[in-house]
Amino acid sequence: MLSKRQQLFMIGLGTSLIMGSTLLLPKIALSLPPITEIPEEVLRTEIITSARSPIDGKLLTAAQYAEVQIQLQDSPPLKLSPKVRETIFLLRLRQLIRTFAPFLPI
């Protein structure tokens, strides 16, 4: 059985060896992106000429996408039945309760 002083010495020695070995090893730049990846600054300057429809996900040209956006702004949103609205409200309420009390069987 080791005394308290010997235990602390062993812990300190082990910690020193681990810390010392990490300082002496060569550092590898793991945070750098791969060479083949295009930098974000370049991607931000690219002009997007195609898009997907927010309705069905089909590929659209920029002009078609603009037309769809105008049509969506002009058409009023669909009205939901009161039963569906109540169901959505109850599901959201259930999700909120589960956030704070996940152990409740609801």
Protein backbone atom coordinates (compact mmCIF):
# COMPACT_ATOMS: atom_id res chain seq x y z
CA MET A 1 0.00 0.00 0.00
CA LEU A 2 1.39 3.37 -1.00
CA SER A 3 1.33 6.28 1.34
CA LYS A 4 -0.52 9.47 0.46
CA ARG A 5 2.75 11.21 -0.40
CA GLN A 6 3.80 8.40 -2.75
CA GLN A 7 0.38 8.41 -4.46
CA LEU A 8 0.59 12.16 -5.08
CA PHE A 9 4.14 11.76 -6.37
CA MET A 10 3.02 9.04 -8.82
CA ILE A 11 0.09 11.16 -10.03
CA GLY A 12 2.34 14.20 -10.48
CA LEU A 13 4.96 12.14 -12.31
CA GLY A 14 2.37 10.61 -14.63
CA THR A 15 0.85 13.98 -15.38
CA SER A 16 4.27 15.49 -16.05
CA LEU A 17 5.19 12.68 -18.45
CA ILE A 18 1.95 13.04 -20.38
CA MET A 19 2.20 16.83 -20.59
CA GLY A 20 5.88 16.70 -21.53
CA SER A 21 5.34 14.16 -24.28
CA THR A 22 2.59 16.25 -25.86
CA LEU A 23 4.82 19.32 -25.89
CA LEU A 24 7.70 17.48 -27.55
CA LEU A 25 5.67 15.81 -30.31
CA PRO A 26 5.41 17.69 -33.61
CA LYS A 27 2.12 19.46 -34.08
CA ILE A 28 -0.09 18.44 -37.00
CA ALA A 29 -2.34 21.10 -38.48
CA LEU A 30 -5.63 19.23 -38.25
CA SER A 31 -7.74 22.36 -38.50
CA LEU A 32 -6.68 23.22 -42.03
CA PRO A 33 -9.12 22.27 -44.81
CA PRO A 34 -8.09 19.89 -47.58
CA ILE A 35 -6.36 21.45 -50.58
CA THR A 36 -9.19 20.42 -52.93
CA GLU A 37 -11.83 22.36 -50.95
CA ILE A 38 -12.88 25.72 -52.38
CA PRO A 39 -12.56 28.55 -49.83
CA GLU A 40 -15.78 30.05 -48.48
CA GLU A 41 -14.79 33.51 -49.68
CA VAL A 42 -14.71 32.25 -53.28
CA LEU A 43 -18.01 30.42 -52.91
CA ARG A 44 -19.73 33.56 -51.61
CA THR A 45 -18.82 35.45 -54.78
CA GLU A 46 -20.29 32.83 -57.12
CA ILE A 47 -23.57 33.73 -58.78
CA ILE A 48 -26.25 31.10 -58.24
CA THR A 49 -28.03 30.43 -61.52
CA SER A 50 -30.17 27.45 -60.53
CA ALA A 51 -32.45 26.82 -57.61
CA ARG A 52 -35.00 24.34 -56.31
CA SER A 53 -38.70 24.96 -56.17
CA PRO A 54 -39.97 25.50 -52.62
CA ILE A 55 -43.16 23.68 -53.62
CA ASP A 56 -41.95 20.38 -55.07
CA GLY A 57 -38.13 20.57 -55.06
CA LYS A 58 -37.67 20.52 -58.85
CA LEU A 59 -34.68 22.31 -60.40
CA LEU A 60 -35.52 25.79 -61.68
CA THR A 61 -33.64 28.52 -63.47
CA ALA A 62 -33.21 31.87 -61.76
CA ALA A 63 -36.08 33.40 -63.79
CA GLN A 64 -38.43 30.51 -62.99
CA TYR A 65 -37.51 30.73 -59.31
CA ALA A 66 -38.30 34.46 -59.27
CA GLU A 67 -41.70 33.74 -60.86
CA VAL A 68 -42.48 31.10 -58.24
CA GLN A 69 -41.52 33.49 -55.45
CA ILE A 70 -43.84 36.16 -56.86
CA GLN A 71 -46.68 33.64 -57.16
CA LEU A 72 -46.16 32.52 -53.56
CA GLN A 73 -46.25 36.12 -52.33
CA ASP A 74 -49.46 36.87 -54.27
CA SER A 75 -51.42 33.79 -53.20
CA PRO A 76 -52.86 33.85 -49.68
CA PRO A 77 -51.75 31.12 -47.29
CA LEU A 78 -54.00 28.11 -46.98
CA LYS A 79 -56.44 28.07 -44.07
CA LEU A 80 -56.28 25.08 -41.76
CA SER A 81 -59.31 23.57 -40.17
CA PRO A 82 -59.77 24.24 -36.44
CA LYS A 83 -59.26 20.54 -35.66
CA VAL A 84 -55.86 20.53 -37.39
CA ARG A 85 -54.87 23.77 -35.65
CA GLU A 86 -55.79 22.26 -32.28
CA THR A 87 -53.78 19.11 -33.04
CA ILE A 88 -50.71 21.17 -33.98
CA PHE A 89 -51.08 23.25 -30.81
CA LEU A 90 -51.31 20.11 -28.65
CA LEU A 91 -48.26 18.56 -30.33
CA ARG A 92 -46.24 21.73 -29.74
CA LEU A 93 -47.41 21.84 -26.12
CA ARG A 94 -46.40 18.18 -25.69
CA GLN A 95 -42.97 18.93 -27.14
CA LEU A 96 -42.53 21.86 -24.74
CA ILE A 97 -43.51 19.74 -21.74
CA ARG A 98 -41.13 16.96 -22.82
CA THR A 99 -38.31 19.51 -23.00
CA PHE A 100 -38.63 20.36 -19.33
CA ALA A 101 -39.91 17.01 -18.02
CA PRO A 102 -38.72 14.17 -20.29
CA PHE A 103 -39.60 11.55 -17.68
CA LEU A 104 -43.35 12.17 -17.92
CA PRO A 105 -45.20 9.53 -20.00
CA ILE A 106 -47.00 11.83 -22.42
